[in-house]
């Protein structure tokens, strides 16, 4: 699945992506192990935050750029 680095996920969606419980993801967020913002009582985590947690941010950003370039070339 192609996901933009700034795509926002909920704690539940992040838990599904990481194959963890939602409560465990909330613990990671509270501890600062996983970055995210708490807005209106809900956690918002970007795909880039998840990639950083997984240690794959650089590779995923390269894939994203290549995908965007390919899509732009198809529009021409």
N, C-alpha and C. Protein backbone atom coordinates (compact mmCIF):
# COMPACT_ATOMS: atom_id res chain seq x y z
N UNK A 1 0.84 -1.17 0.00
CA UNK A 1 0.00 0.00 0.00
C UNK A 1 0.89 1.24 0.00
N UNK A 2 0.67 2.13 -0.94
CA UNK A 2 1.40 3.38 -1.01
C UNK A 2 0.72 4.38 -0.09
N UNK A 3 1.52 5.00 0.77
CA UNK A 3 0.99 5.95 1.74
C UNK A 3 1.88 7.19 1.75
N UNK A 4 1.26 8.35 1.69
CA UNK A 4 2.01 9.60 1.76
C UNK A 4 2.61 9.76 3.16
N UNK A 5 3.83 10.33 3.24
CA UNK A 5 4.45 10.50 4.56
C UNK A 5 3.62 11.33 5.53
N UNK A 6 2.81 12.25 5.00
CA UNK A 6 2.01 13.10 5.88
C UNK A 6 0.59 12.58 6.10
N UNK A 7 0.32 11.38 5.62
CA UNK A 7 -1.01 10.79 5.86
C UNK A 7 -1.18 10.54 7.35
N UNK A 8 -2.32 10.95 7.89
CA UNK A 8 -2.58 10.85 9.32
C UNK A 8 -3.36 9.58 9.64
N UNK A 9 -2.90 8.91 10.68
CA UNK A 9 -3.54 7.68 11.14
C UNK A 9 -4.00 7.85 12.58
N UNK A 10 -5.03 7.12 12.94
CA UNK A 10 -5.48 7.09 14.33
C UNK A 10 -4.64 6.05 15.08
N UNK A 11 -4.78 6.01 16.38
CA UNK A 11 -4.08 5.00 17.18
C UNK A 11 -4.53 3.60 16.77
N UNK A 12 -5.81 3.44 16.47
CA UNK A 12 -6.32 2.14 16.05
C UNK A 12 -5.71 1.71 14.72
N UNK A 13 -5.68 2.64 13.76
CA UNK A 13 -5.11 2.32 12.45
C UNK A 13 -3.61 2.02 12.56
N UNK A 14 -2.93 2.77 13.42
CA UNK A 14 -1.51 2.53 13.64
C UNK A 14 -1.29 1.16 14.27
N UNK A 15 -2.15 0.80 15.21
CA UNK A 15 -2.05 -0.51 15.85
C UNK A 15 -2.22 -1.62 14.83
N UNK A 16 -3.16 -1.47 13.92
CA UNK A 16 -3.37 -2.48 12.88
C UNK A 16 -2.14 -2.58 11.99
N UNK A 17 -1.59 -1.44 11.62
CA UNK A 17 -0.41 -1.40 10.75
C UNK A 17 0.80 -2.05 11.41
N UNK A 18 0.97 -1.80 12.71
CA UNK A 18 2.11 -2.35 13.45
C UNK A 18 1.84 -3.73 14.03
N UNK A 19 0.60 -4.18 13.90
CA UNK A 19 0.20 -5.47 14.48
C UNK A 19 0.42 -5.50 15.99
N UNK A 20 -0.01 -4.42 16.60
CA UNK A 20 0.04 -4.27 18.06
C UNK A 20 -1.37 -3.94 18.53
N UNK A 21 -1.58 -3.98 19.82
CA UNK A 21 -2.88 -3.55 20.34
C UNK A 21 -2.93 -2.03 20.34
N UNK A 22 -4.13 -1.50 20.30
CA UNK A 22 -4.30 -0.06 20.35
C UNK A 22 -3.74 0.49 21.66
N UNK A 23 -3.94 -0.23 22.73
CA UNK A 23 -3.42 0.20 24.04
C UNK A 23 -1.90 0.26 24.03
N UNK A 24 -1.25 -0.71 23.39
CA UNK A 24 0.21 -0.71 23.31
C UNK A 24 0.71 0.50 22.52
N UNK A 25 0.03 0.82 21.43
CA UNK A 25 0.39 1.99 20.63
C UNK A 25 0.23 3.25 21.48
N UNK A 26 -0.83 3.33 22.26
CA UNK A 26 -1.03 4.49 23.12
C UNK A 26 0.09 4.60 24.16
N UNK A 27 0.56 3.46 24.65
CA UNK A 27 1.69 3.48 25.59
C UNK A 27 2.95 4.01 24.91
N UNK A 28 3.21 3.55 23.68
CA UNK A 28 4.36 4.03 22.92
C UNK A 28 4.27 5.55 22.73
N UNK A 29 3.09 6.03 22.41
CA UNK A 29 2.89 7.46 22.20
C UNK A 29 3.12 8.25 23.48
N UNK A 30 2.58 7.78 24.57
CA UNK A 30 2.73 8.44 25.86
C UNK A 30 4.19 8.47 26.30
N UNK A 31 4.90 7.38 26.05
CA UNK A 31 6.31 7.28 26.44
C UNK A 31 7.24 8.02 25.48
N UNK A 32 6.73 8.39 24.31
CA UNK A 32 7.57 9.07 23.32
C UNK A 32 8.34 8.11 22.43
N UNK A 33 8.09 6.82 22.56
CA UNK A 33 8.73 5.82 21.70
C UNK A 33 8.24 5.96 20.27
N UNK A 34 7.00 6.34 20.13
CA UNK A 34 6.37 6.61 18.83
C UNK A 34 5.87 8.05 18.89
N UNK A 35 6.21 8.82 17.87
CA UNK A 35 5.78 10.22 17.84
C UNK A 35 4.35 10.33 17.32
N UNK A 36 3.65 11.33 17.80
CA UNK A 36 2.30 11.62 17.37
C UNK A 36 1.82 12.86 18.10
N UNK A 37 0.68 13.35 17.68
CA UNK A 37 0.08 14.52 18.33
C UNK A 37 -1.27 14.13 18.90
N UNK A 38 -1.56 14.71 20.03
CA UNK A 38 -2.87 14.48 20.63
C UNK A 38 -3.71 15.73 20.39
N UNK A 39 -4.76 15.57 19.58
CA UNK A 39 -5.66 16.67 19.26
C UNK A 39 -7.07 16.27 19.61
N UNK A 40 -7.75 17.14 20.33
CA UNK A 40 -9.14 16.88 20.72
C UNK A 40 -9.31 15.52 21.39
N UNK A 41 -8.33 15.14 22.19
CA UNK A 41 -8.41 13.89 22.94
C UNK A 41 -8.09 12.65 22.14
N UNK A 42 -7.67 12.80 20.89
CA UNK A 42 -7.35 11.65 20.04
C UNK A 42 -5.93 11.77 19.50
N UNK A 43 -5.27 10.65 19.40
CA UNK A 43 -3.93 10.61 18.85
C UNK A 43 -3.98 10.68 17.33
N UNK A 44 -3.08 11.47 16.77
CA UNK A 44 -2.90 11.53 15.32
C UNK A 44 -1.44 11.24 15.04
N UNK A 45 -1.20 10.21 14.24
CA UNK A 45 0.14 9.74 13.94
C UNK A 45 0.32 9.78 12.44
N UNK A 46 1.42 10.35 11.96
CA UNK A 46 1.64 10.36 10.52
C UNK A 46 2.32 9.07 10.10
N UNK A 47 2.22 8.78 8.82
CA UNK A 47 2.92 7.62 8.27
C UNK A 47 4.41 7.76 8.53
N UNK A 48 4.94 8.99 8.41
CA UNK A 48 6.36 9.22 8.67
C UNK A 48 6.72 8.87 10.11
N UNK A 49 5.83 9.18 11.06
CA UNK A 49 6.06 8.80 12.46
C UNK A 49 6.18 7.29 12.59
N UNK A 50 5.30 6.57 11.91
CA UNK A 50 5.31 5.10 11.96
C UNK A 50 6.60 4.59 11.32
N UNK A 51 6.96 5.15 10.16
CA UNK A 51 8.19 4.71 9.48
C UNK A 51 9.42 4.96 10.33
N UNK A 52 9.46 6.10 11.02
CA UNK A 52 10.59 6.38 11.92
C UNK A 52 10.63 5.34 13.05
N UNK A 53 9.49 5.02 13.61
CA UNK A 53 9.41 4.00 14.67
C UNK A 53 9.94 2.66 14.15
N UNK A 54 9.59 2.33 12.91
CA UNK A 54 10.01 1.05 12.33
C UNK A 54 11.45 1.08 11.82
N UNK A 55 12.04 2.27 11.72
CA UNK A 55 13.40 2.39 11.23
C UNK A 55 13.51 2.30 9.71
N UNK A 56 12.42 2.63 9.01
CA UNK A 56 12.41 2.52 7.55
C UNK A 56 12.05 3.83 6.86
N UNK A 57 12.17 4.94 7.57
CA UNK A 57 11.71 6.24 7.05
C UNK A 57 12.44 6.63 5.77
N UNK A 58 13.74 6.50 5.75
CA UNK A 58 14.51 6.93 4.57
C UNK A 58 14.10 6.13 3.33
N UNK A 59 14.02 4.83 3.47
CA UNK A 59 13.64 3.97 2.33
C UNK A 59 12.22 4.27 1.85
N UNK A 60 11.31 4.45 2.79
CA UNK A 60 9.92 4.70 2.42
C UNK A 60 9.75 6.06 1.76
N UNK A 61 10.53 7.05 2.19
CA UNK A 61 10.46 8.36 1.55
C UNK A 61 11.00 8.29 0.12
N UNK A 62 12.05 7.50 -0.10
CA UNK A 62 12.58 7.31 -1.44
C UNK A 62 11.53 6.64 -2.34
N UNK A 63 10.87 5.64 -1.82
CA UNK A 63 9.80 4.96 -2.57
C UNK A 63 8.69 5.95 -2.91
N UNK A 64 8.33 6.80 -1.95
CA UNK A 64 7.27 7.79 -2.15
C UNK A 64 7.64 8.77 -3.25
N UNK A 65 8.88 9.25 -3.23
CA UNK A 65 9.34 10.20 -4.26
C UNK A 65 9.30 9.53 -5.63
N UNK A 66 9.80 8.31 -5.73
CA UNK A 66 9.78 7.59 -7.01
C UNK A 66 8.35 7.40 -7.51
N UNK A 67 7.46 7.08 -6.61
CA UNK A 67 6.05 6.91 -6.96
C UNK A 67 5.47 8.22 -7.50
N UNK A 68 5.76 9.33 -6.82
CA UNK A 68 5.24 10.63 -7.27
C UNK A 68 5.81 11.01 -8.63
N UNK A 69 7.07 10.76 -8.86
CA UNK A 69 7.70 11.07 -10.15
C UNK A 69 7.03 10.23 -11.24
N UNK A 70 6.84 8.96 -10.97
CA UNK A 70 6.21 8.06 -11.95
C UNK A 70 4.78 8.52 -12.26
N UNK A 71 4.04 8.92 -11.23
CA UNK A 71 2.67 9.39 -11.46
C UNK A 71 2.67 10.70 -12.26
N UNK A 72 3.62 11.58 -11.99
CA UNK A 72 3.71 12.85 -12.72
C UNK A 72 4.06 12.60 -14.19
N UNK A 73 4.91 11.64 -14.44
CA UNK A 73 5.27 11.31 -15.83
C UNK A 73 4.09 10.73 -16.59
N UNK A 74 3.23 10.02 -15.91
CA UNK A 74 2.05 9.45 -16.56
C UNK A 74 1.00 10.51 -16.89
N UNK A 75 1.05 11.65 -16.21
CA UNK A 75 0.10 12.75 -16.45
C UNK A 75 0.47 13.55 -17.69
N UNK A 76 1.70 13.43 -18.13
CA UNK A 76 2.18 14.24 -19.28
C UNK A 76 1.62 13.75 -20.57
